[in-house]
Amino acid sequence: MSRRHGDFATVGIAARARRSGRNLADLDIVIFGSEPTPLLCPSAAGLTLGADISDEALSDMARAITKDMNPIASHQGRGDTKRRQAGVLLKRALNYMMMRAKHG
């Protein structure tokens, strides 16, 4: 996520999961740009997401995963701002991954 086109990202995520039917299994998430080094999120490790997971459950999951973060405040934003941004990106990524798993 960057504020303007061409800016460096204030926070970014990379997500990987294995497709298991219409579900996602073995979820791995890395958060970068907000920490001194990329962060492999232990709260996400190995999670399985069912095809019928609710939007509210995805929001809760994204918030829980961002608790692993210890973002550095900088001219690009405060730590709590970066945590919220990461939560938004995580929810978007998880929604997209779930859609792809459902529709093959």
C-alpha atoms as a PDB file:
ATOM      1  CA  MET A   1       0.000   0.000   0.000  1.00  0.00           C
ATOM      2  CA  SER A   2       1.487   3.333  -1.008  1.00  0.00           C
ATOM      3  CA  ARG A   3      -0.063   6.759  -0.740  1.00  0.00           C
ATOM      4  CA  ARG A   4       0.836   7.930  -4.231  1.00  0.00           C
ATOM      5  CA  HIS A   5       1.790   6.162  -7.436  1.00  0.00           C
ATOM      6  CA  GLY A   6       5.547   5.613  -7.420  1.00  0.00           C
ATOM      7  CA  ASP A   7       5.959   5.900  -3.646  1.00  0.00           C
ATOM      8  CA  PHE A   8       7.560   3.197  -1.579  1.00  0.00           C
ATOM      9  CA  ALA A   9       5.006   1.005   0.146  1.00  0.00           C
ATOM     10  CA  THR A  10       4.223   1.875   3.747  1.00  0.00           C
ATOM     11  CA  VAL A  11       3.217  -1.739   4.288  1.00  0.00           C
ATOM     12  CA  GLY A  12       2.884  -4.790   2.077  1.00  0.00           C
ATOM     13  CA  ILE A  13       1.879  -8.404   2.399  1.00  0.00           C
ATOM     14  CA  ALA A  14       2.589 -11.645   0.626  1.00  0.00           C
ATOM     15  CA  ALA A  15       0.216 -14.540   1.176  1.00  0.00           C
ATOM     16  CA  ARG A  16       0.395 -18.175   0.156  1.00  0.00           C
ATOM     17  CA  ALA A  17      -1.974 -21.067   0.715  1.00  0.00           C
ATOM     18  CA  ARG A  18      -2.638 -24.492  -0.695  1.00  0.00           C
ATOM     19  CA  ARG A  19      -5.987 -25.037  -2.351  1.00  0.00           C
ATOM     20  CA  SER A  20      -7.945 -27.938  -0.877  1.00  0.00           C
ATOM     21  CA  GLY A  21     -11.189 -28.296  -2.800  1.00  0.00           C
ATOM     22  CA  ARG A  22     -13.010 -25.004  -2.261  1.00  0.00           C
ATOM     23  CA  ASN A  23     -10.975 -24.235   0.858  1.00  0.00           C
ATOM     24  CA  LEU A  24      -7.538 -22.757   1.510  1.00  0.00           C
ATOM     25  CA  ALA A  25      -5.125 -24.671   3.704  1.00  0.00           C
ATOM     26  CA  ASP A  26      -1.646 -24.083   5.113  1.00  0.00           C
ATOM     27  CA  LEU A  27      -1.847 -20.290   5.042  1.00  0.00           C
ATOM     28  CA  ASP A  28       1.433 -18.365   5.260  1.00  0.00           C
ATOM     29  CA  ILE A  29       1.568 -14.564   5.452  1.00  0.00           C
ATOM     30  CA  VAL A  30       4.570 -12.243   5.340  1.00  0.00           C
ATOM     31  CA  ILE A  31       4.222  -8.551   6.205  1.00  0.00           C
ATOM     32  CA  PHE A  32       6.929  -6.219   4.921  1.00  0.00           C
ATOM     33  CA  GLY A  33       7.770  -2.545   4.654  1.00  0.00           C
ATOM     34  CA  SER A  34       6.609  -1.682   8.159  1.00  0.00           C
ATOM     35  CA  GLU A  35       9.204  -3.630  10.139  1.00  0.00           C
ATOM     36  CA  PRO A  36      13.013  -3.697  10.080  1.00  0.00           C
ATOM     37  CA  THR A  37      12.803  -7.058   8.257  1.00  0.00           C
ATOM     38  CA  PRO A  38       9.948  -9.019   6.652  1.00  0.00           C
ATOM     39  CA  LEU A  39       7.749 -10.712   9.246  1.00  0.00           C
ATOM     40  CA  LEU A  40       6.429 -14.260   8.828  1.00  0.00           C
ATOM     41  CA  CYS A  41       3.208 -14.116  10.853  1.00  0.00           C
ATOM     42  CA  PRO A  42       2.975 -17.012  13.296  1.00  0.00           C
ATOM     43  CA  SER A  43      -0.741 -16.373  13.886  1.00  0.00           C
ATOM     44  CA  ALA A  44      -1.457 -17.246  10.254  1.00  0.00           C
ATOM     45  CA  ALA A  45       0.810 -20.275  10.008  1.00  0.00           C
ATOM     46  CA  GLY A  46      -1.096 -23.334   8.935  1.00  0.00           C
ATOM     47  CA  LEU A  47      -4.583 -21.800   9.111  1.00  0.00           C
ATOM     48  CA  THR A  48      -7.310 -23.322   6.955  1.00  0.00           C
ATOM     49  CA  LEU A  49     -10.083 -21.139   5.562  1.00  0.00           C
ATOM     50  CA  GLY A  50     -13.389 -22.758   4.678  1.00  0.00           C
ATOM     51  CA  ALA A  51     -15.317 -21.785   1.565  1.00  0.00           C
ATOM     52  CA  ASP A  52     -18.159 -20.398   3.669  1.00  0.00           C
ATOM     53  CA  ILE A  53     -16.099 -18.095   5.906  1.00  0.00           C
ATOM     54  CA  SER A  54     -17.910 -14.831   6.591  1.00  0.00           C
ATOM     55  CA  ASP A  55     -16.696 -11.339   5.825  1.00  0.00           C
ATOM     56  CA  GLU A  56     -16.720 -10.610   9.566  1.00  0.00           C
ATOM     57  CA  ALA A  57     -14.589 -13.683  10.269  1.00  0.00           C
ATOM     58  CA  LEU A  58     -12.054 -12.556   7.651  1.00  0.00           C
ATOM     59  CA  SER A  59     -11.909  -9.125   9.287  1.00  0.00           C
ATOM     60  CA  ASP A  60     -11.350 -10.706  12.702  1.00  0.00           C
ATOM     61  CA  MET A  61      -8.633 -12.949  11.271  1.00  0.00           C
ATOM     62  CA  ALA A  62      -6.866 -10.030   9.605  1.00  0.00           C
ATOM     63  CA  ARG A  63      -6.919  -8.054  12.880  1.00  0.00           C
ATOM     64  CA  ALA A  64      -5.575 -11.048  14.814  1.00  0.00           C
ATOM     65  CA  ILE A  65      -2.736 -11.583  12.340  1.00  0.00           C
ATOM     66  CA  THR A  66      -1.674  -7.937  12.505  1.00  0.00           C
ATOM     67  CA  LYS A  67      -1.141  -8.333  16.261  1.00  0.00           C
ATOM     68  CA  ASP A  68       2.081 -10.161  15.303  1.00  0.00           C
ATOM     69  CA  MET A  69       3.387  -6.848  13.959  1.00  0.00           C
ATOM     70  CA  ASN A  70       5.649  -4.372  15.704  1.00  0.00           C
ATOM     71  CA  PRO A  71       5.608  -1.606  13.068  1.00  0.00           C
ATOM     72  CA  ILE A  72       8.108   1.214  13.118  1.00  0.00           C
ATOM     73  CA  ALA A  73       6.712   4.737  13.169  1.00  0.00           C
ATOM     74  CA  SER A  74       8.174   6.873  10.383  1.00  0.00           C
ATOM     75  CA  HIS A  75       7.363   9.816   8.147  1.00  0.00           C
ATOM     76  CA  GLN A  76       5.123   7.347   6.270  1.00  0.00           C
ATOM     77  CA  GLY A  77       2.868   6.798   9.270  1.00  0.00           C
ATOM     78  CA  ARG A  78       2.507   5.737  12.876  1.00  0.00           C
ATOM     79  CA  GLY A  79       2.674   2.103  13.928  1.00  0.00           C
ATOM     80  CA  ASP A  80      -1.063   1.792  14.543  1.00  0.00           C
ATOM     81  CA  THR A  81      -1.776   3.254  11.090  1.00  0.00           C
ATOM     82  CA  LYS A  82       0.493   0.679   9.460  1.00  0.00           C
ATOM     83  CA  ARG A  83      -1.203  -2.090  11.452  1.00  0.00           C
ATOM     84  CA  ARG A  84      -4.631  -0.952  10.159  1.00  0.00           C
ATOM     85  CA  GLN A  85      -3.284  -0.753   6.599  1.00  0.00           C
ATOM     86  CA  ALA A  86      -1.904  -4.280   6.872  1.00  0.00           C
ATOM     87  CA  GLY A  87      -5.293  -5.490   8.132  1.00  0.00           C
ATOM     88  CA  VAL A  88      -7.038  -3.969   5.105  1.00  0.00           C
ATOM     89  CA  LEU A  89      -4.525  -5.558   2.722  1.00  0.00           C
ATOM     90  CA  LEU A  90      -4.823  -8.928   4.454  1.00  0.00           C
ATOM     91  CA  LYS A  91      -8.601  -8.921   4.208  1.00  0.00           C
ATOM     92  CA  ARG A  92      -8.443  -7.997   0.515  1.00  0.00           C
ATOM     93  CA  ALA A  93      -5.879 -10.710  -0.183  1.00  0.00           C
ATOM     94  CA  LEU A  94      -7.798 -13.364   1.754  1.00  0.00           C
ATOM     95  CA  ASN A  95     -11.058 -12.434  -0.014  1.00  0.00           C
ATOM     96  CA  TYR A  96      -9.318 -12.688  -3.376  1.00  0.00           C
ATOM     97  CA  MET A  97      -7.697 -16.008  -2.503  1.00  0.00           C
ATOM     98  CA  MET A  98     -11.037 -17.410  -1.302  1.00  0.00           C
ATOM     99  CA  MET A  99     -12.762 -16.284  -4.504  1.00  0.00           C
ATOM    100  CA  ARG A 100     -10.068 -17.979  -6.585  1.00  0.00           C
ATOM    101  CA  ALA A 101     -10.348 -21.195  -4.536  1.00  0.00           C
ATOM    102  CA  LYS A 102     -14.147 -21.273  -4.924  1.00  0.00           C
ATOM    103  CA  HIS A 103     -14.148 -20.676  -8.668  1.00  0.00           C
ATOM    104  CA  GLY A 104     -11.056 -22.617  -9.593  1.00  0.00           C
END
